[in-house]
């Protein structure tokens, strides 16, 4: 890729992140091109469709999330899972425009993220920081909850998710008695994520408030 083309691509991704955070995924490509300081033709030369632009942007955010999870695996004493939950929620709170698509765009990347989360959970259990009966799908549900809090409270109480995370982690601490209800199976989780998407105006959006992780 030529240097100027690479610069245009980065400008467009930065602009798309800003515009989608402010206006959601319904924002127009014309507005994104304007904020990037390029013409709409330049946008389409880099991203042939709006969907391609969204996919590239979400992949960038998901890559950052995977990096956080990978870095958290190096933390001592089983603290990586809690660190990752805080870091990823903080990052997502700054990039709310991408949240509806974060976990349903790139299957390979999502699989990588889930594998890292499973490692973090295993390490937390090994160091007796987390209850033994928690599963990786439970952590995905925690991410669902954090996403919902972030999206619901962003405008009026942007840090509300922090207390909610404190409550969730407190409930994840070791206990003598197992939880009364069974965790979701991986296949159930996949079905929930698949069922939460529907096409509308060329953009895939969440349905019934369910968002995958």
N, C-alpha and C. Protein backbone atom coordinates (compact mmCIF):
# COMPACT_ATOMS: atom_id res chain seq x y z
N UNK A 1 0.84 -1.19 0.00
CA UNK A 1 0.00 0.00 0.00
C UNK A 1 0.88 1.25 0.00
N UNK A 2 0.58 2.22 -0.90
CA UNK A 2 1.34 3.45 -0.94
C UNK A 2 1.18 4.21 0.37
N UNK A 3 2.17 5.07 0.66
CA UNK A 3 2.15 5.79 1.93
C UNK A 3 0.91 6.67 2.06
N UNK A 4 0.55 7.38 0.98
CA UNK A 4 -0.62 8.26 1.07
C UNK A 4 -1.90 7.45 1.23
N UNK A 5 -1.97 6.29 0.58
CA UNK A 5 -3.15 5.44 0.72
C UNK A 5 -3.26 4.91 2.15
N UNK A 6 -2.12 4.52 2.72
CA UNK A 6 -2.12 4.03 4.10
C UNK A 6 -2.55 5.14 5.07
N UNK A 7 -2.08 6.37 4.80
CA UNK A 7 -2.46 7.50 5.65
C UNK A 7 -3.96 7.78 5.55
N UNK A 8 -4.50 7.70 4.33
CA UNK A 8 -5.94 7.91 4.15
C UNK A 8 -6.73 6.84 4.91
N UNK A 9 -6.26 5.62 4.85
CA UNK A 9 -6.96 4.53 5.54
C UNK A 9 -7.00 4.79 7.04
N UNK A 10 -5.86 5.18 7.61
CA UNK A 10 -5.81 5.45 9.05
C UNK A 10 -6.68 6.66 9.40
N UNK A 11 -6.68 7.68 8.55
CA UNK A 11 -7.53 8.85 8.79
C UNK A 11 -9.00 8.45 8.79
N UNK A 12 -9.37 7.60 7.86
CA UNK A 12 -10.76 7.17 7.76
C UNK A 12 -11.18 6.31 8.94
N UNK A 13 -10.31 5.42 9.39
CA UNK A 13 -10.62 4.60 10.54
C UNK A 13 -10.77 5.46 11.80
N UNK A 14 -9.87 6.42 11.97
CA UNK A 14 -9.96 7.32 13.13
C UNK A 14 -11.24 8.15 13.08
N UNK A 15 -11.57 8.63 11.89
CA UNK A 15 -12.79 9.42 11.73
C UNK A 15 -14.03 8.58 11.97
N UNK A 16 -14.03 7.35 11.45
CA UNK A 16 -15.17 6.46 11.64
C UNK A 16 -15.38 6.15 13.11
N UNK A 17 -14.30 5.92 13.83
CA UNK A 17 -14.40 5.66 15.27
C UNK A 17 -15.04 6.85 15.98
N UNK A 18 -14.62 8.05 15.63
CA UNK A 18 -15.15 9.25 16.25
C UNK A 18 -16.63 9.46 15.90
N UNK A 19 -16.95 9.29 14.63
CA UNK A 19 -18.33 9.53 14.18
C UNK A 19 -19.28 8.47 14.72
N UNK A 20 -18.87 7.21 14.69
CA UNK A 20 -19.73 6.14 15.19
C UNK A 20 -19.92 6.26 16.70
N UNK A 21 -18.88 6.67 17.42
CA UNK A 21 -19.03 6.87 18.85
C UNK A 21 -20.06 7.96 19.15
N UNK A 22 -20.09 8.97 18.31
CA UNK A 22 -21.01 10.10 18.54
C UNK A 22 -22.42 9.82 18.04
N UNK A 23 -22.54 9.09 16.92
CA UNK A 23 -23.85 8.97 16.26
C UNK A 23 -24.32 7.53 16.03
N UNK A 24 -23.50 6.55 16.42
CA UNK A 24 -23.89 5.17 16.19
C UNK A 24 -23.58 4.71 14.78
N UNK A 25 -23.86 3.45 14.50
CA UNK A 25 -23.51 2.87 13.21
C UNK A 25 -24.40 3.34 12.07
N UNK A 26 -25.45 4.11 12.36
CA UNK A 26 -26.28 4.69 11.31
C UNK A 26 -25.64 5.92 10.66
N UNK A 27 -24.56 6.43 11.25
CA UNK A 27 -23.92 7.62 10.71
C UNK A 27 -23.53 7.41 9.25
N UNK A 28 -23.56 8.47 8.48
CA UNK A 28 -23.31 8.37 7.04
C UNK A 28 -21.83 8.34 6.70
N UNK A 29 -21.51 7.70 5.59
CA UNK A 29 -20.12 7.69 5.13
C UNK A 29 -19.69 9.09 4.68
N UNK A 30 -20.64 9.90 4.26
CA UNK A 30 -20.32 11.28 3.88
C UNK A 30 -19.77 12.05 5.07
N UNK A 31 -20.38 11.85 6.24
CA UNK A 31 -19.90 12.51 7.46
C UNK A 31 -18.53 11.99 7.85
N UNK A 32 -18.32 10.69 7.70
CA UNK A 32 -17.01 10.12 8.03
C UNK A 32 -15.92 10.70 7.13
N UNK A 33 -16.20 10.78 5.82
CA UNK A 33 -15.23 11.35 4.89
C UNK A 33 -14.95 12.81 5.24
N UNK A 34 -15.98 13.56 5.62
CA UNK A 34 -15.80 14.97 5.97
C UNK A 34 -14.88 15.11 7.18
N UNK A 35 -15.14 14.30 8.22
CA UNK A 35 -14.31 14.37 9.42
C UNK A 35 -12.88 13.94 9.12
N UNK A 36 -12.71 12.98 8.21
CA UNK A 36 -11.37 12.52 7.83
C UNK A 36 -10.64 13.51 6.94
N UNK A 37 -11.38 14.45 6.35
CA UNK A 37 -10.77 15.43 5.47
C UNK A 37 -10.44 14.89 4.09
N UNK A 38 -11.22 13.89 3.64
CA UNK A 38 -11.03 13.32 2.31
C UNK A 38 -12.38 13.27 1.60
N UNK A 39 -12.35 12.98 0.32
CA UNK A 39 -13.58 12.85 -0.44
C UNK A 39 -14.22 11.48 -0.24
N UNK A 40 -15.51 11.40 -0.56
CA UNK A 40 -16.21 10.12 -0.44
C UNK A 40 -15.59 9.08 -1.37
N UNK A 41 -15.09 9.53 -2.54
CA UNK A 41 -14.44 8.60 -3.46
C UNK A 41 -13.23 7.94 -2.83
N UNK A 42 -12.46 8.72 -2.06
CA UNK A 42 -11.30 8.16 -1.37
C UNK A 42 -11.74 7.13 -0.34
N UNK A 43 -12.83 7.42 0.34
CA UNK A 43 -13.35 6.46 1.31
C UNK A 43 -13.68 5.14 0.63
N UNK A 44 -14.39 5.22 -0.50
CA UNK A 44 -14.80 3.99 -1.18
C UNK A 44 -13.63 3.27 -1.85
N UNK A 45 -12.56 3.98 -2.16
CA UNK A 45 -11.39 3.29 -2.69
C UNK A 45 -10.72 2.45 -1.60
N UNK A 46 -10.83 2.90 -0.37
CA UNK A 46 -10.25 2.15 0.75
C UNK A 46 -11.20 1.10 1.31
N UNK A 47 -12.49 1.43 1.31
CA UNK A 47 -13.51 0.55 1.86
C UNK A 47 -14.68 0.52 0.88
N UNK A 48 -14.81 -0.53 0.08
CA UNK A 48 -15.81 -0.54 -1.00
C UNK A 48 -17.25 -0.40 -0.52
N UNK A 49 -17.52 -0.74 0.74
CA UNK A 49 -18.86 -0.59 1.30
C UNK A 49 -18.74 -0.06 2.73
N UNK A 50 -19.85 0.45 3.23
CA UNK A 50 -19.88 0.88 4.63
C UNK A 50 -19.64 -0.31 5.54
N UNK A 51 -20.18 -1.46 5.16
CA UNK A 51 -20.00 -2.67 5.95
C UNK A 51 -18.52 -3.03 6.08
N UNK A 52 -17.76 -2.86 4.98
CA UNK A 52 -16.33 -3.14 5.01
C UNK A 52 -15.60 -2.19 5.96
N UNK A 53 -16.03 -0.95 5.99
CA UNK A 53 -15.44 0.03 6.91
C UNK A 53 -15.73 -0.36 8.36
N UNK A 54 -16.97 -0.74 8.64
CA UNK A 54 -17.34 -1.15 9.99
C UNK A 54 -16.55 -2.38 10.41
N UNK A 55 -16.43 -3.35 9.52
CA UNK A 55 -15.68 -4.56 9.84
C UNK A 55 -14.23 -4.25 10.16
N UNK A 56 -13.60 -3.37 9.39
CA UNK A 56 -12.21 -3.01 9.63
C UNK A 56 -12.05 -2.31 10.97
N UNK A 57 -12.99 -1.45 11.28
CA UNK A 57 -12.92 -0.70 12.53
C UNK A 57 -13.14 -1.62 13.72
N UNK A 58 -14.14 -2.48 13.64
CA UNK A 58 -14.42 -3.41 14.74
C UNK A 58 -13.25 -4.37 14.93
N UNK A 59 -12.65 -4.81 13.82
CA UNK A 59 -11.49 -5.68 13.92
C UNK A 59 -10.36 -4.98 14.68
N UNK A 60 -10.18 -3.69 14.44
CA UNK A 60 -9.15 -2.92 15.12
C UNK A 60 -9.43 -2.87 16.63
N UNK A 61 -10.68 -2.64 17.00
CA UNK A 61 -11.05 -2.59 18.41
C UNK A 61 -10.91 -3.98 19.04
N UNK A 62 -11.31 -5.02 18.32
CA UNK A 62 -11.19 -6.37 18.84
C UNK A 62 -9.73 -6.77 19.02
N UNK A 63 -8.88 -6.36 18.10
CA UNK A 63 -7.44 -6.62 18.23
C UNK A 63 -6.90 -6.00 19.52
N UNK A 64 -7.35 -4.77 19.82
CA UNK A 64 -6.91 -4.12 21.05
C UNK A 64 -7.38 -4.90 22.27
N UNK A 65 -8.59 -5.42 22.21
CA UNK A 65 -9.14 -6.20 23.31
C UNK A 65 -8.35 -7.49 23.51
N UNK A 66 -7.98 -8.14 22.41
CA UNK A 66 -7.17 -9.36 22.49
C UNK A 66 -5.81 -9.05 23.09
N UNK A 67 -5.23 -7.92 22.71
CA UNK A 67 -3.94 -7.52 23.28
C UNK A 67 -4.05 -7.35 24.79
N UNK A 68 -5.13 -6.75 25.26
CA UNK A 68 -5.34 -6.59 26.70
C UNK A 68 -5.42 -7.95 27.39
N UNK A 69 -6.15 -8.87 26.78
CA UNK A 69 -6.28 -10.21 27.38
C UNK A 69 -4.94 -10.92 27.41
N UNK A 70 -4.18 -10.81 26.32
CA UNK A 70 -2.88 -11.47 26.26
C UNK A 70 -1.92 -10.88 27.30
N UNK A 71 -1.92 -9.57 27.45
CA UNK A 71 -1.07 -8.93 28.46
C UNK A 71 -1.49 -9.35 29.86
N UNK A 72 -2.79 -9.51 30.07
CA UNK A 72 -3.28 -9.88 31.40
C UNK A 72 -2.84 -11.27 31.81
N UNK A 73 -2.58 -12.17 30.83
CA UNK A 73 -2.15 -13.52 31.17
C UNK A 73 -0.78 -13.53 31.85
N UNK A 74 -0.02 -12.45 31.73
CA UNK A 74 1.32 -12.40 32.32
C UNK A 74 1.29 -11.87 33.75
N UNK A 75 0.14 -11.42 34.22
CA UNK A 75 0.07 -10.86 35.57
C UNK A 75 0.10 -11.98 36.61
N UNK A 76 0.70 -11.71 37.78
CA UNK A 76 0.87 -12.76 38.79
C UNK A 76 -0.36 -12.93 39.67
N UNK A 77 -0.35 -14.02 40.43
CA UNK A 77 -1.33 -14.25 41.50
C UNK A 77 -2.77 -14.33 41.04
N UNK A 78 -2.98 -14.70 39.79
CA UNK A 78 -4.34 -14.89 39.32
C UNK A 78 -5.15 -13.63 39.15
N UNK A 79 -4.50 -12.48 39.10
CA UNK A 79 -5.21 -11.21 39.01
C UNK A 79 -5.53 -10.80 37.57
N UNK A 80 -5.08 -11.60 36.60
CA UNK A 80 -5.24 -11.22 35.21
C UNK A 80 -6.68 -11.06 34.76
N UNK A 81 -7.56 -11.94 35.21
CA UNK A 81 -8.96 -11.86 34.78
C UNK A 81 -9.60 -10.56 35.22
N UNK A 82 -9.41 -10.20 36.47
CA UNK A 82 -9.99 -8.95 36.96
C UNK A 82 -9.39 -7.75 36.23
N UNK A 83 -8.10 -7.80 36.00
CA UNK A 83 -7.44 -6.71 35.28
C UNK A 83 -8.00 -6.59 33.87
N UNK A 84 -8.18 -7.72 33.20
CA UNK A 84 -8.72 -7.69 31.85
C UNK A 84 -10.14 -7.14 31.83
N UNK A 85 -10.99 -7.56 32.74
CA UNK A 85 -12.36 -7.07 32.77
C UNK A 85 -12.39 -5.55 32.94
N UNK A 86 -11.54 -5.05 33.82
CA UNK A 86 -11.51 -3.59 34.04
C UNK A 86 -10.95 -2.87 32.82
N UNK A 87 -9.85 -3.38 32.26
CA UNK A 87 -9.21 -2.72 31.12
C UNK A 87 -10.10 -2.75 29.89
N UNK A 88 -10.71 -3.89 29.60
CA UNK A 88 -11.55 -4.00 28.41
C UNK A 88 -12.81 -3.18 28.54
N UNK A 89 -13.41 -3.14 29.72
CA UNK A 89 -14.61 -2.32 29.92
C UNK A 89 -14.28 -0.84 29.78
N UNK A 90 -13.13 -0.43 30.32
CA UNK A 90 -12.71 0.96 30.20
C UNK A 90 -12.50 1.34 28.73
N UNK A 91 -11.87 0.44 27.98
CA UNK A 91 -11.63 0.69 26.56
C UNK A 91 -12.95 0.77 25.80
N UNK A 92 -13.85 -0.16 26.09
CA UNK A 92 -15.13 -0.16 25.40
C UNK A 92 -15.96 1.07 25.73
N UNK A 93 -15.84 1.57 26.95
CA UNK A 93 -16.57 2.78 27.33
C UNK A 93 -16.12 3.98 26.51
N UNK A 94 -14.91 3.92 25.97
CA UNK A 94 -14.39 5.00 25.14
C UNK A 94 -14.69 4.79 23.66
N UNK A 95 -15.25 3.62 23.32
CA UNK A 95 -15.52 3.29 21.91
C UNK A 95 -16.91 2.67 21.80
N UNK A 96 -17.90 3.38 22.28
CA UNK A 96 -19.26 2.82 22.35
C UNK A 96 -19.87 2.57 20.97
N UNK A 97 -19.41 3.29 19.95
CA UNK A 97 -20.00 3.12 18.62
C UNK A 97 -19.83 1.73 18.06
N UNK A 98 -18.78 1.02 18.48
CA UNK A 98 -18.50 -0.31 17.93
C UNK A 98 -19.10 -1.44 18.75
N UNK A 99 -19.64 -1.15 19.91
CA UNK A 99 -20.08 -2.21 20.81
C UNK A 99 -21.09 -3.17 20.18
N UNK A 100 -22.06 -2.69 19.38
CA UNK A 100 -23.03 -3.64 18.83
C UNK A 100 -22.42 -4.71 17.92
N UNK A 101 -21.21 -4.48 17.43
CA UNK A 101 -20.61 -5.42 16.48
C UNK A 101 -19.32 -6.06 16.99
N UNK A 102 -18.95 -5.79 18.24
CA UNK A 102 -17.61 -6.14 18.69
C UNK A 102 -17.32 -7.63 18.61
N UNK A 103 -18.29 -8.48 18.94
CA UNK A 103 -18.00 -9.91 19.06
C UNK A 103 -18.61 -10.75 17.96
N UNK A 104 -19.13 -10.14 16.91
CA UNK A 104 -19.77 -10.97 15.88
C UNK A 104 -19.25 -10.68 14.48
N UNK A 105 -18.05 -10.11 14.36
CA UNK A 105 -17.52 -9.77 13.05
C UNK A 105 -16.45 -10.74 12.57
N UNK A 106 -15.50 -11.07 13.42
CA UNK A 106 -14.35 -11.88 13.04
C UNK A 106 -14.31 -13.12 13.92
N UNK A 107 -14.75 -14.26 13.39
CA UNK A 107 -14.85 -15.48 14.18
C UNK A 107 -13.49 -15.92 14.71
N UNK A 108 -12.46 -15.81 13.89
CA UNK A 108 -11.13 -16.24 14.33
C UNK A 108 -10.65 -15.40 15.50
N UNK A 109 -10.85 -14.08 15.42
CA UNK A 109 -10.42 -13.19 16.50
C UNK A 109 -11.24 -13.44 17.76
N UNK A 110 -12.54 -13.65 17.61
CA UNK A 110 -13.39 -13.92 18.77
C UNK A 110 -12.97 -15.23 19.43
N UNK A 111 -12.63 -16.24 18.63
CA UNK A 111 -12.16 -17.51 19.17
C UNK A 111 -10.87 -17.32 19.95
N UNK A 112 -9.97 -16.49 19.42
CA UNK A 112 -8.71 -16.18 20.13
C UNK A 112 -9.00 -15.50 21.46
N UNK A 113 -9.89 -14.53 21.45
CA UNK A 113 -10.24 -13.82 22.68
C UNK A 113 -10.83 -14.76 23.71
N UNK A 114 -11.72 -15.63 23.28
CA UNK A 114 -12.35 -16.56 24.23
C UNK A 114 -11.33 -17.52 24.82
N UNK A 115 -10.37 -17.96 24.01
CA UNK A 115 -9.33 -18.87 24.51
C UNK A 115 -8.48 -18.17 25.58
N UNK A 116 -8.16 -16.91 25.36
CA UNK A 116 -7.37 -16.16 26.34
C UNK A 116 -8.17 -15.93 27.62
N UNK A 117 -9.45 -15.65 27.48
CA UNK A 117 -10.31 -15.47 28.66
C UNK A 117 -10.37 -16.77 29.47
N UNK A 118 -10.44 -17.90 28.77
CA UNK A 118 -10.45 -19.19 29.47
C UNK A 118 -9.16 -19.40 30.25
N UNK A 119 -8.02 -19.00 29.68
CA UNK A 119 -6.75 -19.10 30.39
C UNK A 119 -6.74 -18.21 31.63
N UNK A 120 -7.27 -17.01 31.50
CA UNK A 120 -7.33 -16.09 32.64
C UNK A 120 -8.21 -16.66 33.74
N UNK A 121 -9.32 -17.27 33.36
CA UNK A 121 -10.22 -17.86 34.35
C UNK A 121 -9.54 -19.02 35.07
N UNK A 122 -8.85 -19.87 34.32
CA UNK A 122 -8.14 -21.00 34.93
C UNK A 122 -7.10 -20.52 35.92
N UNK A 123 -6.35 -19.49 35.57
CA UNK A 123 -5.32 -18.96 36.45
C UNK A 123 -5.94 -18.34 37.70
N UNK A 124 -7.05 -17.64 37.55
CA UNK A 124 -7.73 -17.05 38.70
C UNK A 124 -8.21 -18.12 39.67
N UNK A 125 -8.72 -19.22 39.14
CA UNK A 125 -9.15 -20.33 39.99
C UNK A 125 -7.95 -20.96 40.70
N UNK A 126 -6.86 -21.13 39.98
CA UNK A 126 -5.66 -21.74 40.55
C UNK A 126 -5.16 -20.97 41.77
N UNK A 127 -5.32 -19.64 41.72
CA UNK A 127 -4.86 -18.80 42.82
C UNK A 127 -5.99 -18.44 43.79
N UNK A 128 -7.09 -19.15 43.66
CA UNK A 128 -8.21 -19.01 44.61
C UNK A 128 -8.77 -17.60 44.68
N UNK A 129 -8.80 -16.93 43.52
CA UNK A 129 -9.39 -15.60 43.47
C UNK A 129 -10.84 -15.64 42.98
N UNK A 130 -11.18 -16.73 42.29
CA UNK A 130 -12.49 -16.86 41.66
C UNK A 130 -13.08 -18.22 42.04
N UNK A 131 -14.39 -18.27 42.19
CA UNK A 131 -15.05 -19.50 42.58
C UNK A 131 -14.84 -20.61 41.54
N UNK A 132 -14.77 -21.85 42.00
CA UNK A 132 -14.40 -22.98 41.16
C UNK A 132 -15.44 -23.32 40.09
N UNK A 133 -16.71 -22.97 40.34
CA UNK A 133 -17.75 -23.41 39.41
C UNK A 133 -18.03 -22.42 38.29
N UNK A 134 -17.26 -21.34 38.19
CA UNK A 134 -17.42 -20.40 37.07
C UNK A 134 -16.87 -21.01 35.79
N UNK A 135 -17.48 -20.67 34.67
CA UNK A 135 -17.07 -21.19 33.37
C UNK A 135 -16.75 -20.01 32.43
N UNK A 136 -16.07 -20.27 31.31
CA UNK A 136 -15.81 -19.19 30.35
C UNK A 136 -17.09 -18.53 29.84
N UNK A 137 -18.17 -19.30 29.71
CA UNK A 137 -19.42 -18.66 29.26
C UNK A 137 -19.95 -17.70 30.32
N UNK A 138 -19.69 -17.98 31.60
CA UNK A 138 -20.07 -17.03 32.65
C UNK A 138 -19.36 -15.70 32.46
N UNK A 139 -18.08 -15.77 32.08
CA UNK A 139 -17.33 -14.53 31.86
C UNK A 139 -17.89 -13.77 30.66
N UNK A 140 -18.32 -14.50 29.63
CA UNK A 140 -18.96 -13.85 28.49
C UNK A 140 -20.23 -13.11 28.93
N UNK A 141 -21.00 -13.72 29.82
CA UNK A 141 -22.20 -13.07 30.32
C UNK A 141 -21.84 -11.83 31.13
N UNK A 142 -20.75 -11.88 31.86
CA UNK A 142 -20.27 -10.69 32.57
C UNK A 142 -19.98 -9.57 31.57
N UNK A 143 -19.37 -9.92 30.44
CA UNK A 143 -19.09 -8.92 29.41
C UNK A 143 -20.38 -8.39 28.80
N UNK A 144 -21.40 -9.25 28.64
CA UNK A 144 -22.71 -8.79 28.19
C UNK A 144 -23.22 -7.71 29.13
N UNK A 145 -23.15 -8.02 30.43
CA UNK A 145 -23.69 -7.11 31.44
C UNK A 145 -22.96 -5.77 31.43
N UNK A 146 -21.65 -5.82 31.35
CA UNK A 146 -20.87 -4.58 31.32
C UNK A 146 -21.21 -3.76 30.09
N UNK A 147 -21.37 -4.42 28.95
CA UNK A 147 -21.72 -3.70 27.73
C UNK A 147 -23.07 -3.01 27.87
N UNK A 148 -24.02 -3.71 28.43
CA UNK A 148 -25.34 -3.12 28.62
C UNK A 148 -25.29 -1.90 29.52
N UNK A 149 -24.52 -2.00 30.61
CA UNK A 149 -24.39 -0.86 31.53
C UNK A 149 -23.71 0.31 30.83
N UNK A 150 -22.66 0.03 30.09
CA UNK A 150 -21.94 1.10 29.38
C UNK A 150 -22.87 1.82 28.42
N UNK A 151 -23.60 1.07 27.62
CA UNK A 151 -24.47 1.68 26.62
C UNK A 151 -25.63 2.44 27.25
N UNK A 152 -26.16 1.91 28.36
CA UNK A 152 -27.33 2.51 28.98
C UNK A 152 -26.99 3.79 29.74
N UNK A 153 -25.81 3.82 30.36
CA UNK A 153 -25.48 4.93 31.27
C UNK A 153 -24.50 5.93 30.67
N UNK A 154 -24.01 5.69 29.46
CA UNK A 154 -22.91 6.46 28.90
C UNK A 154 -23.12 7.96 28.96
N UNK A 155 -24.30 8.43 28.60
CA UNK A 155 -24.52 9.87 28.48
C UNK A 155 -24.60 10.57 29.83
N UNK A 156 -25.21 9.94 30.82
CA UNK A 156 -25.47 10.63 32.09
C UNK A 156 -24.58 10.18 33.23
N UNK A 157 -24.06 8.96 33.17
CA UNK A 157 -23.19 8.46 34.24
C UNK A 157 -22.15 7.53 33.63
N UNK A 158 -21.18 8.10 32.91
CA UNK A 158 -20.26 7.29 32.12
C UNK A 158 -19.37 6.34 32.91
N UNK A 159 -19.26 6.53 34.23
CA UNK A 159 -18.45 5.63 35.03
C UNK A 159 -19.28 4.63 35.83
N UNK A 160 -20.58 4.56 35.56
CA UNK A 160 -21.45 3.66 36.33
C UNK A 160 -21.02 2.20 36.21
N UNK A 161 -20.42 1.84 35.08
CA UNK A 161 -20.00 0.45 34.87
C UNK A 161 -18.96 0.01 35.90
N UNK A 162 -18.20 0.96 36.46
CA UNK A 162 -17.14 0.59 37.40
C UNK A 162 -17.72 -0.05 38.67
N UNK A 163 -18.77 0.56 39.23
CA UNK A 163 -19.38 -0.03 40.41
C UNK A 163 -20.05 -1.37 40.06
N UNK A 164 -20.66 -1.43 38.89
CA UNK A 164 -21.29 -2.68 38.47
C UNK A 164 -20.24 -3.79 38.36
N UNK A 165 -19.06 -3.45 37.85
CA UNK A 165 -17.99 -4.44 37.77
C UNK A 165 -17.55 -4.87 39.17
N UNK A 166 -17.47 -3.92 40.11
CA UNK A 166 -17.14 -4.27 41.50
C UNK A 166 -18.13 -5.30 42.05
N UNK A 167 -19.41 -5.08 41.78
CA UNK A 167 -20.45 -6.00 42.26
C UNK A 167 -20.29 -7.37 41.61
N UNK A 168 -20.04 -7.39 40.31
CA UNK A 168 -19.88 -8.66 39.60
C UNK A 168 -18.67 -9.44 40.12
N UNK A 169 -17.55 -8.75 40.32
CA UNK A 169 -16.35 -9.43 40.82
C UNK A 169 -16.58 -9.94 42.24
N UNK A 170 -17.28 -9.17 43.05
CA UNK A 170 -17.58 -9.63 44.40
C UNK A 170 -18.38 -10.93 44.36
N UNK A 171 -19.30 -11.04 43.40
CA UNK A 171 -20.08 -12.26 43.26
C UNK A 171 -19.30 -13.43 42.68
N UNK A 172 -18.15 -13.14 42.10
CA UNK A 172 -17.31 -14.19 41.51
C UNK A 172 -16.29 -14.74 42.50
N UNK A 173 -16.21 -14.15 43.69
CA UNK A 173 -15.24 -14.61 44.67
C UNK A 173 -15.54 -16.04 45.13
N UNK A 174 -14.51 -16.77 45.61
CA UNK A 174 -14.71 -18.15 46.05
C UNK A 174 -15.80 -18.27 47.11
N UNK A 175 -16.55 -19.36 47.03
CA UNK A 175 -17.60 -19.64 48.00
C UNK A 175 -17.66 -21.14 48.22
N UNK A 176 -18.14 -21.54 49.40
CA UNK A 176 -18.20 -22.96 49.73
C UNK A 176 -19.26 -23.70 48.92
N UNK A 177 -20.35 -23.03 48.61
CA UNK A 177 -21.47 -23.68 47.93
C UNK A 177 -21.50 -23.28 46.46
N UNK A 178 -21.74 -24.25 45.58
CA UNK A 178 -21.84 -23.96 44.16
C UNK A 178 -23.09 -23.14 43.85
N UNK A 179 -23.07 -22.46 42.73
CA UNK A 179 -24.24 -21.71 42.29
C UNK A 179 -25.40 -22.68 41.99
N UNK A 180 -26.60 -22.19 42.18
CA UNK A 180 -27.77 -23.06 42.08
C UNK A 180 -28.14 -23.41 40.64
N UNK A 181 -27.78 -22.55 39.69
CA UNK A 181 -28.19 -22.75 38.31
C UNK A 181 -26.98 -23.03 37.42
N UNK A 182 -27.21 -23.81 36.37
CA UNK A 182 -26.13 -24.21 35.47
C UNK A 182 -25.70 -23.08 34.55
N UNK A 183 -24.44 -23.11 34.16
CA UNK A 183 -23.92 -22.13 33.20
C UNK A 183 -24.40 -22.46 31.80
N UNK A 184 -24.39 -21.47 30.94
CA UNK A 184 -24.66 -21.71 29.53
C UNK A 184 -23.57 -22.61 28.94
N UNK A 185 -23.95 -23.44 28.00
CA UNK A 185 -22.96 -24.21 27.25
C UNK A 185 -22.40 -23.32 26.13
N UNK A 186 -21.22 -23.65 25.61
CA UNK A 186 -20.70 -22.87 24.48
C UNK A 186 -21.65 -22.81 23.30
N UNK A 187 -22.35 -23.92 23.01
CA UNK A 187 -23.28 -23.91 21.88
C UNK A 187 -24.46 -22.98 22.14
N UNK A 188 -24.92 -22.93 23.38
CA UNK A 188 -26.00 -21.99 23.72
C UNK A 188 -25.52 -20.55 23.55
N UNK A 189 -24.30 -20.27 23.98
CA UNK A 189 -23.75 -18.92 23.84
C UNK A 189 -23.66 -18.53 22.37
N UNK A 190 -23.17 -19.45 21.54
CA UNK A 190 -23.06 -19.18 20.11
C UNK A 190 -24.43 -18.93 19.48
N UNK A 191 -25.43 -19.68 19.92
CA UNK A 191 -26.77 -19.50 19.39
C UNK A 191 -27.35 -18.15 19.78
N UNK A 192 -27.05 -17.70 21.00
CA UNK A 192 -27.51 -16.39 21.46
C UNK A 192 -26.89 -15.28 20.61
N UNK A 193 -25.59 -15.38 20.38
CA UNK A 193 -24.90 -14.36 19.58
C UNK A 193 -25.44 -14.36 18.16
N UNK A 194 -25.61 -15.54 17.57
CA UNK A 194 -26.11 -15.63 16.19
C UNK A 194 -27.53 -15.08 16.09
N UNK A 195 -28.34 -15.32 17.10
CA UNK A 195 -29.73 -14.87 17.07
C UNK A 195 -29.92 -13.42 17.39
N UNK A 196 -28.84 -12.74 17.81
CA UNK A 196 -28.97 -11.34 18.21
C UNK A 196 -28.73 -10.38 17.06
N UNK A 197 -28.49 -10.92 15.84
CA UNK A 197 -28.13 -10.07 14.71
C UNK A 197 -29.23 -10.08 13.66
N UNK A 198 -29.44 -8.95 13.05
CA UNK A 198 -30.36 -8.87 11.91
C UNK A 198 -29.91 -7.73 11.01
N UNK A 199 -30.05 -7.85 9.68
CA UNK A 199 -29.66 -6.78 8.78
C UNK A 199 -30.69 -5.67 8.77
N UNK A 200 -30.22 -4.42 8.79
CA UNK A 200 -31.11 -3.27 8.71
C UNK A 200 -30.33 -2.11 8.12
N UNK A 201 -30.80 -1.60 6.96
CA UNK A 201 -30.15 -0.48 6.30
C UNK A 201 -28.68 -0.77 6.01
N UNK A 202 -28.39 -2.04 5.70
CA UNK A 202 -27.02 -2.39 5.34
C UNK A 202 -26.10 -2.60 6.52
N UNK A 203 -26.62 -2.50 7.76
CA UNK A 203 -25.80 -2.65 8.94
C UNK A 203 -26.41 -3.72 9.83
N UNK A 204 -25.58 -4.64 10.34
CA UNK A 204 -26.06 -5.66 11.25
C UNK A 204 -26.10 -5.08 12.65
N UNK A 205 -27.26 -5.20 13.32
CA UNK A 205 -27.41 -4.62 14.64
C UNK A 205 -27.91 -5.66 15.63
N UNK A 206 -27.76 -5.37 16.94
CA UNK A 206 -28.27 -6.29 17.95
C UNK A 206 -29.79 -6.26 18.00
N UNK A 207 -30.37 -7.36 18.42
CA UNK A 207 -31.82 -7.46 18.56
C UNK A 207 -32.15 -7.87 19.98
N UNK A 208 -33.23 -7.32 20.50
CA UNK A 208 -33.72 -7.65 21.84
C UNK A 208 -32.68 -7.38 22.92
N UNK A 209 -31.77 -6.44 22.65
CA UNK A 209 -30.81 -6.04 23.66
C UNK A 209 -29.70 -7.04 23.91
N UNK A 210 -29.61 -8.12 23.13
CA UNK A 210 -28.59 -9.14 23.35
C UNK A 210 -27.39 -8.84 22.50
N UNK A 211 -26.21 -8.87 23.10
CA UNK A 211 -24.99 -8.58 22.37
C UNK A 211 -23.94 -9.61 22.75
N UNK A 212 -23.20 -10.11 21.76
CA UNK A 212 -22.36 -11.26 22.01
C UNK A 212 -20.97 -10.95 22.49
N UNK A 213 -20.37 -11.94 23.16
CA UNK A 213 -18.98 -11.83 23.59
C UNK A 213 -18.36 -13.21 23.61
